[in-house]
Amino acid sequence: DEYKRQLVTGAVVQGKSNLIAVIVHSLCNRYSPDELELYLLDFKEGVTLQRFADGPQGEYLPHARVLGLEADREFGLAVLKHLFEVYSSRMKQFKEAGVQSLREYRMAHPEAQMPRIVLIVDEFQMMFSERDKLSDQIADLLQKGVRLFRACGIHIILASQTIGGNNSLMGSA
């Protein structure tokens, strides 16, 4: 049940958008909205994630807490900051409960509701489109989040047609 860090890359028309859709549908089929929250950001004109918008063309997902179509860098930063607040809150709860992970917390408190969170960012490299302070902030939070979030049930899937030119992330381990 533990998820790993994921980076999805692929050239145009190679199936990256379909893979994202399969991942989202599979997760939503397996987990109820009480067990899973999705944070979906699309930096490519909303093309990939539009299908999940509520409306006549969309496949409404009650799991979606955030659906950022045509997301901009400031919105992406705000989502990352929010997820760090969730992380801090959960880690405080874990400390008080004497546990170290979401799995242990759920075993100790089966009645508690603490859904897994999956952040999917399509064309994530757009968050680093300019070499400025905002790009550096986003890169810093993303690197820390990838390292820290999993234990508290927050998982990240990054998707892009290319990972070239992302100097903001260079040197991260």
C-alpha atoms as a PDB file:
ATOM      1  CA  ASP A   1       0.000   0.000   0.000  1.00  0.00           C
ATOM      2  CA  GLU A   2       2.957   2.348   0.319  1.00  0.00           C
ATOM      3  CA  TYR A   3       3.389   4.628  -2.673  1.00  0.00           C
ATOM      4  CA  LYS A   4       6.754   5.674  -4.015  1.00  0.00           C
ATOM      5  CA  ARG A   5       7.901   8.953  -5.522  1.00  0.00           C
ATOM      6  CA  GLN A   6       6.999   9.086  -9.171  1.00  0.00           C
ATOM      7  CA  LEU A   7       8.242  11.025 -12.161  1.00  0.00           C
ATOM      8  CA  VAL A   8       6.388  10.424 -15.416  1.00  0.00           C
ATOM      9  CA  THR A   9       7.978  11.655 -18.641  1.00  0.00           C
ATOM     10  CA  GLY A  10       7.144  11.115 -22.266  1.00  0.00           C
ATOM     11  CA  ALA A  11       7.138  12.874 -25.571  1.00  0.00           C
ATOM     12  CA  VAL A  12       3.976  14.306 -27.119  1.00  0.00           C
ATOM     13  CA  VAL A  13       1.385  11.593 -27.986  1.00  0.00           C
ATOM     14  CA  GLN A  14       3.249   8.883 -26.074  1.00  0.00           C
ATOM     15  CA  GLY A  15       0.440   8.279 -23.565  1.00  0.00           C
ATOM     16  CA  LYS A  16       1.478  10.369 -20.540  1.00  0.00           C
ATOM     17  CA  SER A  17      -1.991  11.934 -20.186  1.00  0.00           C
ATOM     18  CA  ASN A  18      -3.647   8.532 -20.473  1.00  0.00           C
ATOM     19  CA  LEU A  19      -1.308   7.125 -17.822  1.00  0.00           C
ATOM     20  CA  ILE A  20      -2.251   9.973 -15.463  1.00  0.00           C
ATOM     21  CA  ALA A  21      -5.944   9.265 -16.118  1.00  0.00           C
ATOM     22  CA  VAL A  22      -5.430   5.541 -15.417  1.00  0.00           C
ATOM     23  CA  ILE A  23      -3.615   6.342 -12.159  1.00  0.00           C
ATOM     24  CA  VAL A  24      -6.380   8.715 -11.029  1.00  0.00           C
ATOM     25  CA  HIS A  25      -9.185   6.302 -11.974  1.00  0.00           C
ATOM     26  CA  SER A  26      -7.420   3.347 -10.347  1.00  0.00           C
ATOM     27  CA  LEU A  27      -6.858   5.222  -7.100  1.00  0.00           C
ATOM     28  CA  CYS A  28     -10.448   6.481  -7.035  1.00  0.00           C
ATOM     29  CA  ASN A  29     -11.757   2.995  -7.761  1.00  0.00           C
ATOM     30  CA  ARG A  30      -9.750   1.490  -4.900  1.00  0.00           C
ATOM     31  CA  TYR A  31     -10.182   4.215  -2.251  1.00  0.00           C
ATOM     32  CA  SER A  32     -13.231   6.167  -1.125  1.00  0.00           C
ATOM     33  CA  PRO A  33     -13.089   9.979  -0.799  1.00  0.00           C
ATOM     34  CA  ASP A  34     -12.710   9.419   2.969  1.00  0.00           C
ATOM     35  CA  GLU A  35      -9.474   7.511   2.299  1.00  0.00           C
ATOM     36  CA  LEU A  36      -8.008   9.555  -0.575  1.00  0.00           C
ATOM     37  CA  GLU A  37      -7.758  13.232  -1.460  1.00  0.00           C
ATOM     38  CA  LEU A  38      -6.416  14.348  -4.828  1.00  0.00           C
ATOM     39  CA  TYR A  39      -4.632  17.613  -5.491  1.00  0.00           C
ATOM     40  CA  LEU A  40      -4.410  17.969  -9.268  1.00  0.00           C
ATOM     41  CA  LEU A  41      -2.422  20.761 -10.921  1.00  0.00           C
ATOM     42  CA  ASP A  42      -2.184  21.182 -14.682  1.00  0.00           C
ATOM     43  CA  PHE A  43       0.321  23.670 -16.058  1.00  0.00           C
ATOM     44  CA  LYS A  44      -0.540  22.832 -19.683  1.00  0.00           C
ATOM     45  CA  GLU A  45      -3.674  24.847 -20.380  1.00  0.00           C
ATOM     46  CA  GLY A  46      -5.730  22.319 -18.411  1.00  0.00           C
ATOM     47  CA  VAL A  47      -5.563  19.808 -21.256  1.00  0.00           C
ATOM     48  CA  THR A  48      -4.657  16.718 -19.230  1.00  0.00           C
ATOM     49  CA  LEU A  49      -6.831  17.214 -16.155  1.00  0.00           C
ATOM     50  CA  GLN A  50      -9.852  18.929 -17.754  1.00  0.00           C
ATOM     51  CA  ARG A  51     -11.596  15.554 -17.919  1.00  0.00           C
ATOM     52  CA  PHE A  52     -11.869  15.573 -14.114  1.00  0.00           C
ATOM     53  CA  ALA A  53     -13.664  18.926 -13.874  1.00  0.00           C
ATOM     54  CA  ASP A  54     -17.273  18.907 -12.742  1.00  0.00           C
ATOM     55  CA  GLY A  55     -19.537  19.588 -15.683  1.00  0.00           C
ATOM     56  CA  PRO A  56     -21.086  18.096 -18.808  1.00  0.00           C
ATOM     57  CA  GLN A  57     -17.720  17.045 -20.288  1.00  0.00           C
ATOM     58  CA  GLY A  58     -15.986  16.179 -17.023  1.00  0.00           C
ATOM     59  CA  GLU A  59     -15.803  12.989 -15.000  1.00  0.00           C
ATOM     60  CA  TYR A  60     -16.517  14.475 -11.579  1.00  0.00           C
ATOM     61  CA  LEU A  61     -14.320  13.105  -8.820  1.00  0.00           C
ATOM     62  CA  PRO A  62     -15.423  13.588  -5.215  1.00  0.00           C
ATOM     63  CA  HIS A  63     -11.800  12.764  -4.281  1.00  0.00           C
ATOM     64  CA  ALA A  64     -10.513  15.991  -5.857  1.00  0.00           C
ATOM     65  CA  ARG A  65      -9.841  18.655  -3.227  1.00  0.00           C
ATOM     66  CA  VAL A  66      -7.878  20.858  -5.618  1.00  0.00           C
ATOM     67  CA  LEU A  67      -8.233  20.943  -9.390  1.00  0.00           C
ATOM     68  CA  GLY A  68      -5.962  23.626 -10.799  1.00  0.00           C
ATOM     69  CA  LEU A  69      -6.604  23.837 -14.517  1.00  0.00           C
ATOM     70  CA  GLU A  70      -4.318  26.359 -16.203  1.00  0.00           C
ATOM     71  CA  ALA A  71      -2.526  26.626 -12.856  1.00  0.00           C
ATOM     72  CA  ASP A  72       0.044  29.346 -12.405  1.00  0.00           C
ATOM     73  CA  ARG A  73       3.237  29.326 -10.372  1.00  0.00           C
ATOM     74  CA  GLU A  74       1.764  31.272  -7.461  1.00  0.00           C
ATOM     75  CA  PHE A  75      -1.084  28.774  -7.152  1.00  0.00           C
ATOM     76  CA  GLY A  76       1.404  25.902  -7.265  1.00  0.00           C
ATOM     77  CA  LEU A  77       3.396  27.520  -4.463  1.00  0.00           C
ATOM     78  CA  ALA A  78       0.221  28.020  -2.403  1.00  0.00           C
ATOM     79  CA  VAL A  79      -0.684  24.325  -2.804  1.00  0.00           C
ATOM     80  CA  LEU A  80       2.803  23.241  -1.694  1.00  0.00           C
ATOM     81  CA  LYS A  81       2.628  25.541   1.342  1.00  0.00           C
ATOM     82  CA  HIS A  82      -0.794  24.118   2.230  1.00  0.00           C
ATOM     83  CA  LEU A  83       0.542  20.563   1.992  1.00  0.00           C
ATOM     84  CA  PHE A  84       3.370  21.511   4.360  1.00  0.00           C
ATOM     85  CA  GLU A  85       0.747  22.739   6.829  1.00  0.00           C
ATOM     86  CA  VAL A  86      -1.035  19.377   6.507  1.00  0.00           C
ATOM     87  CA  TYR A  87       2.315  17.610   6.954  1.00  0.00           C
ATOM     88  CA  SER A  88       3.115  19.601  10.120  1.00  0.00           C
ATOM     89  CA  SER A  89      -0.338  18.974  11.573  1.00  0.00           C
ATOM     90  CA  ARG A  90      -0.131  15.256  10.894  1.00  0.00           C
ATOM     91  CA  MET A  91       3.371  14.940  12.315  1.00  0.00           C
ATOM     92  CA  LYS A  92       2.148  16.652  15.493  1.00  0.00           C
ATOM     93  CA  GLN A  93      -0.729  14.154  15.706  1.00  0.00           C
ATOM     94  CA  PHE A  94       1.687  11.279  15.135  1.00  0.00           C
ATOM     95  CA  LYS A  95       3.986  12.514  17.895  1.00  0.00           C
ATOM     96  CA  GLU A  96       1.080  12.802  20.331  1.00  0.00           C
ATOM     97  CA  ALA A  97      -0.061   9.279  19.390  1.00  0.00           C
ATOM     98  CA  GLY A  98       3.453   7.846  19.671  1.00  0.00           C
ATOM     99  CA  VAL A  99       3.598   6.704  16.032  1.00  0.00           C
ATOM    100  CA  GLN A 100       5.801   7.557  13.070  1.00  0.00           C
ATOM    101  CA  SER A 101       3.658   6.973   9.981  1.00  0.00           C
ATOM    102  CA  LEU A 102       0.132   7.112   8.628  1.00  0.00           C
ATOM    103  CA  ARG A 103      -0.018   3.324   8.634  1.00  0.00           C
ATOM    104  CA  GLU A 104       0.883   3.146  12.335  1.00  0.00           C
ATOM    105  CA  TYR A 105      -1.557   5.960  13.128  1.00  0.00           C
ATOM    106  CA  ARG A 106      -4.417   4.180  11.369  1.00  0.00           C
ATOM    107  CA  MET A 107      -3.608   0.949  13.226  1.00  0.00           C
ATOM    108  CA  ALA A 108      -3.592   2.759  16.581  1.00  0.00           C
ATOM    109  CA  HIS A 109      -6.695   4.850  15.759  1.00  0.00           C
ATOM    110  CA  PRO A 110      -8.863   2.924  13.271  1.00  0.00           C
ATOM    111  CA  GLU A 111     -11.771   5.309  13.864  1.00  0.00           C
ATOM    112  CA  ALA A 112      -9.765   8.395  12.855  1.00  0.00           C
ATOM    113  CA  GLN A 113     -10.168   9.843   9.396  1.00  0.00           C
ATOM    114  CA  MET A 114      -6.861  10.766   7.844  1.00  0.00           C
ATOM    115  CA  PRO A 115      -6.944  10.221   4.082  1.00  0.00           C
ATOM    116  CA  ARG A 116      -3.901   9.731   1.925  1.00  0.00           C
ATOM    117  CA  ILE A 117      -3.188  12.736  -0.276  1.00  0.00           C
ATOM    118  CA  VAL A 118      -1.844  12.431  -3.803  1.00  0.00           C
ATOM    119  CA  LEU A 119      -0.514  15.536  -5.527  1.00  0.00           C
ATOM    120  CA  ILE A 120      -0.306  15.148  -9.307  1.00  0.00           C
ATOM    121  CA  VAL A 121       1.382  17.958 -11.216  1.00  0.00           C
ATOM    122  CA  ASP A 122       1.280  17.819 -15.010  1.00  0.00           C
ATOM    123  CA  GLU A 123       4.000  19.794 -16.802  1.00  0.00           C
ATOM    124  CA  PHE A 124       5.607  20.504 -13.437  1.00  0.00           C
ATOM    125  CA  GLN A 125       8.617  22.097 -15.142  1.00  0.00           C
ATOM    126  CA  MET A 126       6.421  25.151 -15.815  1.00  0.00           C
ATOM    127  CA  MET A 127       6.707  25.997 -12.111  1.00  0.00           C
ATOM    128  CA  PHE A 128      10.377  26.733 -12.882  1.00  0.00           C
ATOM    129  CA  SER A 129       9.790  28.589 -16.144  1.00  0.00           C
ATOM    130  CA  GLU A 130      11.684  31.627 -14.891  1.00  0.00           C
ATOM    131  CA  ARG A 131      14.886  31.818 -12.895  1.00  0.00           C
ATOM    132  CA  ASP A 132      13.625  33.892  -9.989  1.00  0.00           C
ATOM    133  CA  LYS A 133      12.922  33.775  -6.278  1.00  0.00           C
ATOM    134  CA  LEU A 134       9.523  32.135  -6.835  1.00  0.00           C
ATOM    135  CA  SER A 135      11.124  29.246  -8.764  1.00  0.00           C
ATOM    136  CA  ASP A 136      13.650  28.796  -5.973  1.00  0.00           C
ATOM    137  CA  GLN A 137      10.877  28.723  -3.325  1.00  0.00           C
ATOM    138  CA  ILE A 138       8.879  26.160  -5.290  1.00  0.00           C
ATOM    139  CA  ALA A 139      11.963  24.005  -5.901  1.00  0.00           C
ATOM    140  CA  ASP A 140      12.898  24.114  -2.213  1.00  0.00           C
ATOM    141  CA  LEU A 141       9.409  23.092  -1.048  1.00  0.00           C
ATOM    142  CA  LEU A 142       9.094  20.405  -3.707  1.00  0.00           C
ATOM    143  CA  GLN A 143      12.460  18.866  -2.814  1.00  0.00           C
ATOM    144  CA  LYS A 144      11.623  18.875   0.905  1.00  0.00           C
ATOM    145  CA  GLY A 145       8.131  17.524   0.266  1.00  0.00           C
ATOM    146  CA  VAL A 146       9.384  14.624  -1.826  1.00  0.00           C
ATOM    147  CA  ARG A 147      11.716  13.677   1.024  1.00  0.00           C
ATOM    148  CA  LEU A 148       9.349  14.169   3.947  1.00  0.00           C
ATOM    149  CA  PHE A 149       5.719  13.726   2.925  1.00  0.00           C
ATOM    150  CA  ARG A 150       5.447   9.976   2.380  1.00  0.00           C
ATOM    151  CA  ALA A 151       5.496   8.993   6.065  1.00  0.00           C
ATOM    152  CA  CYS A 152       2.430  11.128   6.716  1.00  0.00           C
ATOM    153  CA  GLY A 153       0.515   9.863   3.697  1.00  0.00           C
ATOM    154  CA  ILE A 154       1.206  12.602   1.155  1.00  0.00           C
ATOM    155  CA  HIS A 155       2.467  11.363  -2.205  1.00  0.00           C
ATOM    156  CA  ILE A 156       3.680  13.268  -5.258  1.00  0.00           C
ATOM    157  CA  ILE A 157       3.517  12.373  -8.942  1.00  0.00           C
ATOM    158  CA  LEU A 158       5.261  14.778 -11.301  1.00  0.00           C
ATOM    159  CA  ALA A 159       4.650  14.572 -15.043  1.00  0.00           C
ATOM    160  CA  SER A 160       6.373  16.338 -17.918  1.00  0.00           C
ATOM    161  CA  GLN A 161       7.165  16.044 -21.603  1.00  0.00           C
ATOM    162  CA  THR A 162      10.720  17.010 -20.741  1.00  0.00           C
ATOM    163  CA  ILE A 163      12.827  17.426 -17.641  1.00  0.00           C
ATOM    164  CA  GLY A 164      15.566  19.374 -19.393  1.00  0.00           C
ATOM    165  CA  GLY A 165      16.279  22.922 -18.303  1.00  0.00           C
ATOM    166  CA  ASN A 166      15.043  22.525 -14.733  1.00  0.00           C
ATOM    167  CA  ASN A 167      18.076  24.086 -13.099  1.00  0.00           C
ATOM    168  CA  SER A 168      16.066  24.882  -9.982  1.00  0.00           C
ATOM    169  CA  LEU A 169      15.981  21.179  -9.155  1.00  0.00           C
ATOM    170  CA  MET A 170      19.570  20.362 -10.065  1.00  0.00           C
ATOM    171  CA  GLY A 171      21.679  19.022  -7.257  1.00  0.00           C
ATOM    172  CA  SER A 172      18.701  17.601  -5.357  1.00  0.00           C
ATOM    173  CA  ALA A 173      19.044  14.104  -4.002  1.00  0.00           C
END
